[in-house]
Every structure is written in structure tokens, then in C-alpha cells.
Amino acid sequence: MIELEINAENYDLTDDLKKHIEEKFGGLDEYLNTLERARIAVSWEGGENEQSRVSTQVWGPGHQFDASDIDWQAITAIDKAHHKLLKQIRREHSREISERNRR
């Protein structure tokens, strides 16, 4: 399982939301087993367009993936950022398999 660092800025991170983040991002190493750490930051942007921003970074030897999203619901922004990360990770995994098969 990936080591998770979850940060909240101007946002009250509930236990349910933290659990959702852990479920979504804790298993990313299923897709690329060299992934070791993930940082997920949830923040609230006030003003005219009050929204939740989720920024994510995932690392492993030779890999770094970044994704973020904004939505008025934090859980939706988390899901969208997770989807973007998953897309990047799967693309890299496919690339690595293709390179192995060419050898």
C-alpha cells in the first residue's frame, strides 16, 4: 500500500472524506507496483466561486504523477483527480509493458 500524506487547508476534513481518500489513493500501486508515496491536498477556495480544490502527487522510483481538480463538492473533486491520476498511471504501465515486449 502506498504511504499517504493527506493535507487540508481552509477545509475541515471529515473522517468519511479521509476514508474516501484512503480508499481511492491507497491502492494505486495495484496499477504500477513501483509507486511508494502520495500527497493529497484538499483546500477550500472562497470568494465568488466557492469551490474545493484537490491536488495530488504520486511518486515512485523513476515516476511522478500530478493531477488536480476543482468542484464545489470535495468528494467529486477527489474522484476526478483520482481518475486523472489513474489514466496517467495506466498509460505509463502500458508503455512499460510495451518496452518489455520489444526486448
PDB file of N, CA and C in Angstrom:
ATOM      1  N   MET A   1       0.831  -1.185   0.000  1.00  0.00           N
ATOM      2  CA  MET A   1       0.000   0.000   0.000  1.00  0.00           C
ATOM      3  C   MET A   1       0.874   1.246   0.000  1.00  0.00           C
ATOM      4  N   ILE A   2       0.422   2.239  -0.690  1.00  0.00           N
ATOM      5  CA  ILE A   2       1.158   3.493  -0.806  1.00  0.00           C
ATOM      6  C   ILE A   2       1.087   4.274   0.513  1.00  0.00           C
ATOM      7  N   GLU A   3       2.186   4.926   0.855  1.00  0.00           N
ATOM      8  CA  GLU A   3       2.201   5.817   2.012  1.00  0.00           C
ATOM      9  C   GLU A   3       1.467   7.103   1.625  1.00  0.00           C
ATOM     10  N   LEU A   4       0.422   7.445   2.364  1.00  0.00           N
ATOM     11  CA  LEU A   4      -0.394   8.612   2.039  1.00  0.00           C
ATOM     12  C   LEU A   4      -0.113   9.768   2.987  1.00  0.00           C
ATOM     13  N   GLU A   5      -0.022  10.952   2.416  1.00  0.00           N
ATOM     14  CA  GLU A   5       0.058  12.192   3.191  1.00  0.00           C
ATOM     15  C   GLU A   5      -1.152  13.023   2.777  1.00  0.00           C
ATOM     16  N   ILE A   6      -2.051  13.269   3.709  1.00  0.00           N
ATOM     17  CA  ILE A   6      -3.281  13.998   3.411  1.00  0.00           C
ATOM     18  C   ILE A   6      -3.252  15.321   4.163  1.00  0.00           C
ATOM     19  N   ASN A   7      -3.379  16.414   3.416  1.00  0.00           N
ATOM     20  CA  ASN A   7      -3.359  17.750   4.000  1.00  0.00           C
ATOM     21  C   ASN A   7      -4.653  18.474   3.678  1.00  0.00           C
ATOM     22  N   ALA A   8      -5.089  19.324   4.593  1.00  0.00           N
ATOM     23  CA  ALA A   8      -6.274  20.148   4.359  1.00  0.00           C
ATOM     24  C   ALA A   8      -5.933  21.594   4.705  1.00  0.00           C
ATOM     25  N   GLU A   9      -6.328  22.503   3.831  1.00  0.00           N
ATOM     26  CA  GLU A   9      -6.094  23.927   4.054  1.00  0.00           C
ATOM     27  C   GLU A   9      -7.422  24.660   3.909  1.00  0.00           C
ATOM     28  N   ASN A  10      -7.796  25.393   4.929  1.00  0.00           N
ATOM     29  CA  ASN A  10      -9.088  26.095   4.944  1.00  0.00           C
ATOM     30  C   ASN A  10     -10.240  25.124   4.729  1.00  0.00           C
ATOM     31  N   TYR A  11     -10.075  23.915   5.237  1.00  0.00           N
ATOM     32  CA  TYR A  11     -11.077  22.885   4.997  1.00  0.00           C
ATOM     33  C   TYR A  11     -11.120  21.946   6.192  1.00  0.00           C
ATOM     34  N   ASP A  12     -12.316  21.611   6.641  1.00  0.00           N
ATOM     35  CA  ASP A  12     -12.494  20.663   7.738  1.00  0.00           C
ATOM     36  C   ASP A  12     -12.617  19.264   7.140  1.00  0.00           C
ATOM     37  N   LEU A  13     -11.554  18.501   7.223  1.00  0.00           N
ATOM     38  CA  LEU A  13     -11.507  17.165   6.627  1.00  0.00           C
ATOM     39  C   LEU A  13     -12.198  16.167   7.559  1.00  0.00           C
ATOM     40  N   THR A  14     -13.373  15.692   7.167  1.00  0.00           N
ATOM     41  CA  THR A  14     -14.128  14.748   7.995  1.00  0.00           C
ATOM     42  C   THR A  14     -13.502  13.356   7.910  1.00  0.00           C
ATOM     43  N   ASP A  15     -13.859  12.507   8.849  1.00  0.00           N
ATOM     44  CA  ASP A  15     -13.365  11.126   8.841  1.00  0.00           C
ATOM     45  C   ASP A  15     -13.839  10.384   7.593  1.00  0.00           C
ATOM     46  N   ASP A  16     -15.089  10.633   7.177  1.00  0.00           N
ATOM     47  CA  ASP A  16     -15.620   9.981   5.974  1.00  0.00           C
ATOM     48  C   ASP A  16     -14.849  10.391   4.730  1.00  0.00           C
ATOM     49  N   LEU A  17     -14.522  11.672   4.636  1.00  0.00           N
ATOM     50  CA  LEU A  17     -13.777  12.153   3.472  1.00  0.00           C
ATOM     51  C   LEU A  17     -12.351  11.599   3.486  1.00  0.00           C
ATOM     52  N   LYS A  18     -11.739  11.551   4.656  1.00  0.00           N
ATOM     53  CA  LYS A  18     -10.394  10.987   4.778  1.00  0.00           C
ATOM     54  C   LYS A  18     -10.402   9.504   4.395  1.00  0.00           C
ATOM     55  N   LYS A  19     -11.423   8.778   4.830  1.00  0.00           N
ATOM     56  CA  LYS A  19     -11.543   7.361   4.478  1.00  0.00           C
ATOM     57  C   LYS A  19     -11.707   7.194   2.967  1.00  0.00           C
ATOM     58  N   HIS A  20     -12.494   8.075   2.354  1.00  0.00           N
ATOM     59  CA  HIS A  20     -12.695   8.026   0.900  1.00  0.00           C
ATOM     60  C   HIS A  20     -11.363   8.239   0.170  1.00  0.00           C
ATOM     61  N   ILE A  21     -10.578   9.202   0.638  1.00  0.00           N
ATOM     62  CA  ILE A  21      -9.262   9.467   0.042  1.00  0.00           C
ATOM     63  C   ILE A  21      -8.366   8.242   0.194  1.00  0.00           C
ATOM     64  N   GLU A  22      -8.338   7.651   1.374  1.00  0.00           N
ATOM     65  CA  GLU A  22      -7.501   6.468   1.614  1.00  0.00           C
ATOM     66  C   GLU A  22      -7.907   5.307   0.720  1.00  0.00           C
ATOM     67  N   GLU A  23      -9.211   5.113   0.535  1.00  0.00           N
ATOM     68  CA  GLU A  23      -9.684   4.030  -0.337  1.00  0.00           C
ATOM     69  C   GLU A  23      -9.312   4.285  -1.790  1.00  0.00           C
ATOM     70  N   LYS A  24      -9.446   5.518  -2.236  1.00  0.00           N
ATOM     71  CA  LYS A  24      -9.166   5.854  -3.635  1.00  0.00           C
ATOM     72  C   LYS A  24      -7.677   5.776  -3.952  1.00  0.00           C
ATOM     73  N   PHE A  25      -6.862   6.396  -3.111  1.00  0.00           N
ATOM     74  CA  PHE A  25      -5.452   6.562  -3.447  1.00  0.00           C
ATOM     75  C   PHE A  25      -4.544   5.499  -2.845  1.00  0.00           C
ATOM     76  N   GLY A  26      -5.004   4.795  -1.831  1.00  0.00           N
ATOM     77  CA  GLY A  26      -4.175   3.782  -1.185  1.00  0.00           C
ATOM     78  C   GLY A  26      -3.853   2.591  -2.061  1.00  0.00           C
ATOM     79  N   GLY A  27      -4.676   2.321  -3.052  1.00  0.00           N
ATOM     80  CA  GLY A  27      -4.473   1.151  -3.899  1.00  0.00           C
ATOM     81  C   GLY A  27      -3.893   1.440  -5.268  1.00  0.00           C
ATOM     82  N   LEU A  28      -3.366   2.642  -5.473  1.00  0.00           N
ATOM     83  CA  LEU A  28      -2.826   2.978  -6.793  1.00  0.00           C
ATOM     84  C   LEU A  28      -1.647   2.097  -7.194  1.00  0.00           C
ATOM     85  N   ASP A  29      -0.948   1.522  -6.217  1.00  0.00           N
ATOM     86  CA  ASP A  29       0.185   0.664  -6.547  1.00  0.00           C
ATOM     87  C   ASP A  29      -0.250  -0.655  -7.176  1.00  0.00           C
ATOM     88  N   GLU A  30      -1.548  -0.935  -7.202  1.00  0.00           N
ATOM     89  CA  GLU A  30      -2.044  -2.106  -7.941  1.00  0.00           C
ATOM     90  C   GLU A  30      -1.747  -1.965  -9.429  1.00  0.00           C
ATOM     91  N   TYR A  31      -1.763  -0.734  -9.905  1.00  0.00           N
ATOM     92  CA  TYR A  31      -1.602  -0.469 -11.329  1.00  0.00           C
ATOM     93  C   TYR A  31      -0.143  -0.297 -11.728  1.00  0.00           C
ATOM     94  N   LEU A  32       0.678   0.173 -10.810  1.00  0.00           N
ATOM     95  CA  LEU A  32       2.105   0.341 -11.065  1.00  0.00           C
ATOM     96  C   LEU A  32       2.797   0.100  -9.727  1.00  0.00           C
ATOM     97  N   ASN A  33       3.384  -1.085  -9.566  1.00  0.00           N
ATOM     98  CA  ASN A  33       3.843  -1.509  -8.239  1.00  0.00           C
ATOM     99  C   ASN A  33       5.070  -0.772  -7.717  1.00  0.00           C
ATOM    100  N   THR A  34       5.658   0.125  -8.498  1.00  0.00           N
ATOM    101  CA  THR A  34       6.803   0.886  -8.010  1.00  0.00           C
ATOM    102  C   THR A  34       6.386   2.168  -7.290  1.00  0.00           C
ATOM    103  N   LEU A  35       5.091   2.459  -7.241  1.00  0.00           N
ATOM    104  CA  LEU A  35       4.629   3.672  -6.572  1.00  0.00           C
ATOM    105  C   LEU A  35       4.764   3.508  -5.063  1.00  0.00           C
ATOM    106  N   GLU A  36       5.279   4.551  -4.411  1.00  0.00           N
ATOM    107  CA  GLU A  36       5.561   4.459  -2.981  1.00  0.00           C
ATOM    108  C   GLU A  36       4.801   5.463  -2.124  1.00  0.00           C
ATOM    109  N   ARG A  37       4.657   6.698  -2.625  1.00  0.00           N
ATOM    110  CA  ARG A  37       4.077   7.756  -1.796  1.00  0.00           C
ATOM    111  C   ARG A  37       3.071   8.576  -2.589  1.00  0.00           C
ATOM    112  N   ALA A  38       2.098   9.116  -1.870  1.00  0.00           N
ATOM    113  CA  ALA A  38       1.127  10.020  -2.487  1.00  0.00           C
ATOM    114  C   ALA A  38       0.842  11.164  -1.522  1.00  0.00           C
ATOM    115  N   ARG A  39       0.706  12.349  -2.078  1.00  0.00           N
ATOM    116  CA  ARG A  39       0.322  13.521  -1.299  1.00  0.00           C
ATOM    117  C   ARG A  39      -0.985  14.035  -1.878  1.00  0.00           C
ATOM    118  N   ILE A  40      -1.981  14.185  -1.025  1.00  0.00           N
ATOM    119  CA  ILE A  40      -3.285  14.681  -1.442  1.00  0.00           C
ATOM    120  C   ILE A  40      -3.583  15.916  -0.606  1.00  0.00           C
ATOM    121  N   ALA A  41      -3.826  17.030  -1.272  1.00  0.00           N
ATOM    122  CA  ALA A  41      -4.140  18.281  -0.584  1.00  0.00           C
ATOM    123  C   ALA A  41      -5.548  18.715  -0.956  1.00  0.00           C
ATOM    124  N   VAL A  42      -6.361  18.952   0.056  1.00  0.00           N
ATOM    125  CA  VAL A  42      -7.729  19.421  -0.148  1.00  0.00           C
ATOM    126  C   VAL A  42      -7.804  20.830   0.422  1.00  0.00           C
ATOM    127  N   SER A  43      -8.288  21.762  -0.383  1.00  0.00           N
ATOM    128  CA  SER A  43      -8.407  23.133   0.105  1.00  0.00           C
ATOM    129  C   SER A  43      -9.736  23.733  -0.330  1.00  0.00           C
ATOM    130  N   TRP A  44     -10.144  24.739   0.386  1.00  0.00           N
ATOM    131  CA  TRP A  44     -11.390  25.438   0.098  1.00  0.00           C
ATOM    132  C   TRP A  44     -11.028  26.813  -0.430  1.00  0.00           C
ATOM    133  N   GLU A  45     -11.561  27.148  -1.591  1.00  0.00           N
ATOM    134  CA  GLU A  45     -11.327  28.456  -2.186  1.00  0.00           C
ATOM    135  C   GLU A  45     -12.605  29.267  -2.070  1.00  0.00           C
ATOM    136  N   GLY A  46     -12.576  30.254  -1.227  1.00  0.00           N
ATOM    137  CA  GLY A  46     -13.744  31.096  -1.016  1.00  0.00           C
ATOM    138  C   GLY A  46     -13.892  32.115  -2.137  1.00  0.00           C
ATOM    139  N   GLY A  47     -14.655  33.118  -1.873  1.00  0.00           N
ATOM    140  CA  GLY A  47     -14.874  34.150  -2.872  1.00  0.00           C
ATOM    141  C   GLY A  47     -16.149  33.899  -3.646  1.00  0.00           C
ATOM    142  N   GLU A  48     -16.206  34.487  -4.820  1.00  0.00           N
ATOM    143  CA  GLU A  48     -17.414  34.411  -5.640  1.00  0.00           C
ATOM    144  C   GLU A  48     -17.753  32.985  -6.060  1.00  0.00           C
ATOM    145  N   ASN A  49     -16.748  32.220  -6.435  1.00  0.00           N
ATOM    146  CA  ASN A  49     -16.957  30.834  -6.877  1.00  0.00           C
ATOM    147  C   ASN A  49     -16.407  29.874  -5.838  1.00  0.00           C
ATOM    148  N   GLU A  50     -17.085  29.745  -4.728  1.00  0.00           N
ATOM    149  CA  GLU A  50     -16.599  28.880  -3.652  1.00  0.00           C
ATOM    150  C   GLU A  50     -16.515  27.438  -4.132  1.00  0.00           C
ATOM    151  N   GLN A  51     -15.301  26.879  -4.051  1.00  0.00           N
ATOM    152  CA  GLN A  51     -15.079  25.528  -4.556  1.00  0.00           C
ATOM    153  C   GLN A  51     -14.012  24.817  -3.746  1.00  0.00           C
ATOM    154  N   SER A  52     -14.033  23.504  -3.832  1.00  0.00           N
ATOM    155  CA  SER A  52     -12.988  22.668  -3.240  1.00  0.00           C
ATOM    156  C   SER A  52     -11.956  22.363  -4.314  1.00  0.00           C
ATOM    157  N   ARG A  53     -10.692  22.469  -3.945  1.00  0.00           N
ATOM    158  CA  ARG A  53      -9.601  22.122  -4.859  1.00  0.00           C
ATOM    159  C   ARG A  53      -8.872  20.922  -4.281  1.00  0.00           C
ATOM    160  N   VAL A  54      -8.616  19.946  -5.139  1.00  0.00           N
ATOM    161  CA  VAL A  54      -7.858  18.766  -4.740  1.00  0.00           C
ATOM    162  C   VAL A  54      -6.636  18.671  -5.644  1.00  0.00           C
ATOM    163  N   SER A  55      -5.462  18.638  -5.036  1.00  0.00           N
ATOM    164  CA  SER A  55      -4.208  18.484  -5.772  1.00  0.00           C
ATOM    165  C   SER A  55      -3.549  17.199  -5.299  1.00  0.00           C
ATOM    166  N   THR A  56      -3.068  16.416  -6.240  1.00  0.00           N
ATOM    167  CA  THR A  56      -2.459  15.131  -5.892  1.00  0.00           C
ATOM    168  C   THR A  56      -1.108  14.976  -6.572  1.00  0.00           C
ATOM    169  N   GLN A  57      -0.217  14.301  -5.889  1.00  0.00           N
ATOM    170  CA  GLN A  57       1.081  13.927  -6.442  1.00  0.00           C
ATOM    171  C   GLN A  57       1.368  12.507  -5.980  1.00  0.00           C
ATOM    172  N   VAL A  58       1.884  11.699  -6.892  1.00  0.00           N
ATOM    173  CA  VAL A  58       2.235  10.315  -6.571  1.00  0.00           C
ATOM    174  C   VAL A  58       3.654  10.073  -7.071  1.00  0.00           C
ATOM    175  N   TRP A  59       4.481   9.433  -6.222  1.00  0.00           N
ATOM    176  CA  TRP A  59       5.873   9.179  -6.564  1.00  0.00           C
ATOM    177  C   TRP A  59       6.252   7.720  -6.407  1.00  0.00           C
ATOM    178  N   GLY A  60       7.264   7.371  -7.177  1.00  0.00           N
ATOM    179  CA  GLY A  60       7.944   6.097  -7.065  1.00  0.00           C
ATOM    180  C   GLY A  60       9.253   6.249  -7.822  1.00  0.00           C
ATOM    181  N   PRO A  61      10.177   5.315  -7.691  1.00  0.00           N
ATOM    182  CA  PRO A  61      11.442   5.419  -8.416  1.00  0.00           C
ATOM    183  C   PRO A  61      11.206   5.598  -9.919  1.00  0.00           C
ATOM    184  N   GLY A  62      11.667   6.716 -10.443  1.00  0.00           N
ATOM    185  CA  GLY A  62      11.534   6.989 -11.872  1.00  0.00           C
ATOM    186  C   GLY A  62      10.166   7.471 -12.301  1.00  0.00           C
ATOM    187  N   HIS A  63       9.278   7.729 -11.359  1.00  0.00           N
ATOM    188  CA  HIS A  63       7.919   8.144 -11.706  1.00  0.00           C
ATOM    189  C   HIS A  63       7.456   9.295 -10.824  1.00  0.00           C
ATOM    190  N   GLN A  64       6.736  10.218 -11.442  1.00  0.00           N
ATOM    191  CA  GLN A  64       5.996  11.232 -10.698  1.00  0.00           C
ATOM    192  C   GLN A  64       4.755  11.575 -11.504  1.00  0.00           C
ATOM    193  N   PHE A  65       3.624  11.539 -10.846  1.00  0.00           N
ATOM    194  CA  PHE A  65       2.349  11.844 -11.486  1.00  0.00           C
ATOM    195  C   PHE A  65       1.663  12.950 -10.690  1.00  0.00           C
ATOM    196  N   ASP A  66       1.053  13.893 -11.402  1.00  0.00           N
ATOM    197  CA  ASP A  66       0.352  15.008 -10.776  1.00  0.00           C
ATOM    198  C   ASP A  66      -1.028  15.147 -11.388  1.00  0.00           C
ATOM    199  N   ALA A  67      -2.006  15.459 -10.558  1.00  0.00           N
ATOM    200  CA  ALA A  67      -3.357  15.730 -11.059  1.00  0.00           C
ATOM    201  C   ALA A  67      -4.078  16.609 -10.044  1.00  0.00           C
ATOM    202  N   SER A  68      -4.974  17.433 -10.544  1.00  0.00           N
ATOM    203  CA  SER A  68      -5.782  18.256  -9.649  1.00  0.00           C
ATOM    204  C   SER A  68      -7.144  18.487 -10.275  1.00  0.00           C
ATOM    205  N   ASP A  69      -8.077  18.898  -9.442  1.00  0.00           N
ATOM    206  CA  ASP A  69      -9.405  19.218  -9.944  1.00  0.00           C
ATOM    207  C   ASP A  69     -10.099  20.148  -8.960  1.00  0.00           C
ATOM    208  N   ILE A  70     -11.106  20.837  -9.467  1.00  0.00           N
ATOM    209  CA  ILE A  70     -11.889  21.773  -8.665  1.00  0.00           C
ATOM    210  C   ILE A  70     -13.362  21.433  -8.848  1.00  0.00           C
ATOM    211  N   ASP A  71     -14.087  21.423  -7.752  1.00  0.00           N
ATOM    212  CA  ASP A  71     -15.529  21.211  -7.817  1.00  0.00           C
ATOM    213  C   ASP A  71     -16.126  21.792  -6.538  1.00  0.00           C
ATOM    214  N   TRP A  72     -17.387  22.106  -6.554  1.00  0.00           N
ATOM    215  CA  TRP A  72     -17.994  22.657  -5.339  1.00  0.00           C
ATOM    216  C   TRP A  72     -18.165  21.593  -4.270  1.00  0.00           C
ATOM    217  N   GLN A  73     -18.116  20.309  -4.660  1.00  0.00           N
ATOM    218  CA  GLN A  73     -18.133  19.210  -3.692  1.00  0.00           C
ATOM    219  C   GLN A  73     -16.748  18.561  -3.654  1.00  0.00           C
ATOM    220  N   ALA A  74     -16.176  18.473  -2.477  1.00  0.00           N
ATOM    221  CA  ALA A  74     -14.829  17.909  -2.337  1.00  0.00           C
ATOM    222  C   ALA A  74     -14.761  16.474  -2.832  1.00  0.00           C
ATOM    223  N   ILE A  75     -15.767  15.679  -2.545  1.00  0.00           N
ATOM    224  CA  ILE A  75     -15.734  14.261  -2.933  1.00  0.00           C
ATOM    225  C   ILE A  75     -15.690  14.110  -4.452  1.00  0.00           C
ATOM    226  N   THR A  76     -16.373  14.997  -5.165  1.00  0.00           N
ATOM    227  CA  THR A  76     -16.349  14.960  -6.630  1.00  0.00           C
ATOM    228  C   THR A  76     -14.977  15.359  -7.149  1.00  0.00           C
ATOM    229  N   ALA A  77     -14.377  16.388  -6.555  1.00  0.00           N
ATOM    230  CA  ALA A  77     -13.031  16.805  -6.959  1.00  0.00           C
ATOM    231  C   ALA A  77     -12.019  15.694  -6.691  1.00  0.00           C
ATOM    232  N   ILE A  78     -12.177  14.983  -5.584  1.00  0.00           N
ATOM    233  CA  ILE A  78     -11.294  13.855  -5.257  1.00  0.00           C
ATOM    234  C   ILE A  78     -11.427  12.763  -6.314  1.00  0.00           C
ATOM    235  N   ASP A  79     -12.659  12.417  -6.657  1.00  0.00           N
ATOM    236  CA  ASP A  79     -12.894  11.370  -7.654  1.00  0.00           C
ATOM    237  C   ASP A  79     -12.332  11.753  -9.020  1.00  0.00           C
ATOM    238  N   LYS A  80     -12.496  13.005  -9.413  1.00  0.00           N
ATOM    239  CA  LYS A  80     -11.985  13.457 -10.714  1.00  0.00           C
ATOM    240  C   LYS A  80     -10.457  13.454 -10.737  1.00  0.00           C
ATOM    241  N   ALA A  81      -9.830  13.922  -9.659  1.00  0.00           N
ATOM    242  CA  ALA A  81      -8.365  13.914  -9.592  1.00  0.00           C
ATOM    243  C   ALA A  81      -7.842  12.479  -9.602  1.00  0.00           C
ATOM    244  N   HIS A  82      -8.509  11.584  -8.898  1.00  0.00           N
ATOM    245  CA  HIS A  82      -8.127  10.171  -8.890  1.00  0.00           C
ATOM    246  C   HIS A  82      -8.215   9.590 -10.299  1.00  0.00           C
ATOM    247  N   HIS A  83      -9.285   9.913 -11.004  1.00  0.00           N
ATOM    248  CA  HIS A  83      -9.464   9.420 -12.376  1.00  0.00           C
ATOM    249  C   HIS A  83      -8.327   9.911 -13.279  1.00  0.00           C
ATOM    250  N   LYS A  84      -7.944  11.170 -13.145  1.00  0.00           N
ATOM    251  CA  LYS A  84      -6.844  11.715 -13.947  1.00  0.00           C
ATOM    252  C   LYS A  84      -5.531  11.000 -13.632  1.00  0.00           C
ATOM    253  N   LEU A  85      -5.263  10.771 -12.350  1.00  0.00           N
ATOM    254  CA  LEU A  85      -4.045  10.046 -11.962  1.00  0.00           C
ATOM    255  C   LEU A  85      -4.043   8.632 -12.508  1.00  0.00           C
ATOM    256  N   LEU A  86      -5.163   7.964 -12.371  1.00  0.00           N
ATOM    257  CA  LEU A  86      -5.280   6.586 -12.838  1.00  0.00           C
ATOM    258  C   LEU A  86      -5.007   6.494 -14.333  1.00  0.00           C
ATOM    259  N   LYS A  87      -5.496   7.447 -15.079  1.00  0.00           N
ATOM    260  CA  LYS A  87      -5.272   7.478 -16.521  1.00  0.00           C
ATOM    261  C   LYS A  87      -3.775   7.600 -16.831  1.00  0.00           C
ATOM    262  N   GLN A  88      -3.083   8.482 -16.116  1.00  0.00           N
ATOM    263  CA  GLN A  88      -1.641   8.655 -16.314  1.00  0.00           C
ATOM    264  C   GLN A  88      -0.874   7.388 -15.935  1.00  0.00           C
ATOM    265  N   ILE A  89      -1.241   6.794 -14.818  1.00  0.00           N
ATOM    266  CA  ILE A  89      -0.547   5.597 -14.327  1.00  0.00           C
ATOM    267  C   ILE A  89      -0.755   4.425 -15.275  1.00  0.00           C
ATOM    268  N   ARG A  90      -1.971   4.241 -15.744  1.00  0.00           N
ATOM    269  CA  ARG A  90      -2.244   3.151 -16.696  1.00  0.00           C
ATOM    270  C   ARG A  90      -1.475   3.352 -17.999  1.00  0.00           C
ATOM    271  N   ARG A  91      -1.396   4.598 -18.463  1.00  0.00           N
ATOM    272  CA  ARG A  91      -0.649   4.887 -19.686  1.00  0.00           C
ATOM    273  C   ARG A  91       0.824   4.524 -19.501  1.00  0.00           C
ATOM    274  N   GLU A  92       1.396   4.891 -18.352  1.00  0.00           N
ATOM    275  CA  GLU A  92       2.792   4.567 -18.073  1.00  0.00           C
ATOM    276  C   GLU A  92       2.985   3.057 -17.944  1.00  0.00           C
ATOM    277  N   HIS A  93       2.066   2.385 -17.301  1.00  0.00           N
ATOM    278  CA  HIS A  93       2.142   0.927 -17.156  1.00  0.00           C
ATOM    279  C   HIS A  93       2.118   0.257 -18.530  1.00  0.00           C
ATOM    280  N   SER A  94       1.228   0.699 -19.406  1.00  0.00           N
ATOM    281  CA  SER A  94       1.157   0.146 -20.769  1.00  0.00           C
ATOM    282  C   SER A  94       2.450   0.399 -21.525  1.00  0.00           C
ATOM    283  N   ARG A  95       3.020   1.594 -21.346  1.00  0.00           N
ATOM    284  CA  ARG A  95       4.278   1.940 -22.004  1.00  0.00           C
ATOM    285  C   ARG A  95       5.398   1.016 -21.531  1.00  0.00           C
ATOM    286  N   GLU A  96       5.453   0.752 -20.232  1.00  0.00           N
ATOM    287  CA  GLU A  96       6.495  -0.132 -19.695  1.00  0.00           C
ATOM    288  C   GLU A  96       6.332  -1.557 -20.208  1.00  0.00           C
ATOM    289  N   ILE A  97       5.110  -2.036 -20.301  1.00  0.00           N
ATOM    290  CA  ILE A  97       4.866  -3.384 -20.829  1.00  0.00           C
ATOM    291  C   ILE A  97       5.278  -3.458 -22.292  1.00  0.00           C
ATOM    292  N   SER A  98       4.952  -2.436 -23.070  1.00  0.00           N
ATOM    293  CA  SER A  98       5.330  -2.412 -24.486  1.00  0.00           C
ATOM    294  C   SER A  98       6.839  -2.441 -24.653  1.00  0.00           C
ATOM    295  N   GLU A  99       7.547  -1.680 -23.816  1.00  0.00           N
ATOM    296  CA  GLU A  99       9.012  -1.659 -23.889  1.00  0.00           C
ATOM    297  C   GLU A  99       9.593  -3.026 -23.537  1.00  0.00           C
ATOM    298  N   ARG A 100       9.025  -3.689 -22.531  1.00  0.00           N
ATOM    299  CA  ARG A 100       9.494  -5.026 -22.153  1.00  0.00           C
ATOM    300  C   ARG A 100       9.281  -6.029 -23.277  1.00  0.00           C
ATOM    301  N   ASN A 101       8.149  -5.935 -23.942  1.00  0.00           N
ATOM    302  CA  ASN A 101       7.830  -6.875 -25.017  1.00  0.00           C
ATOM    303  C   ASN A 101       8.692  -6.657 -26.251  1.00  0.00           C
ATOM    304  N   ARG A 102       9.222  -5.456 -26.436  1.00  0.00           N
ATOM    305  CA  ARG A 102      10.086  -5.180 -27.589  1.00  0.00           C
ATOM    306  C   ARG A 102      11.481  -5.757 -27.411  1.00  0.00           C
ATOM    307  N   ARG A 103      11.845  -6.050 -26.192  1.00  0.00           N
ATOM    308  CA  ARG A 103      13.213  -6.543 -25.930  1.00  0.00           C
ATOM    309  C   ARG A 103      13.360  -7.975 -26.303  1.00  0.00           C
TER     310      ARG A 103
END
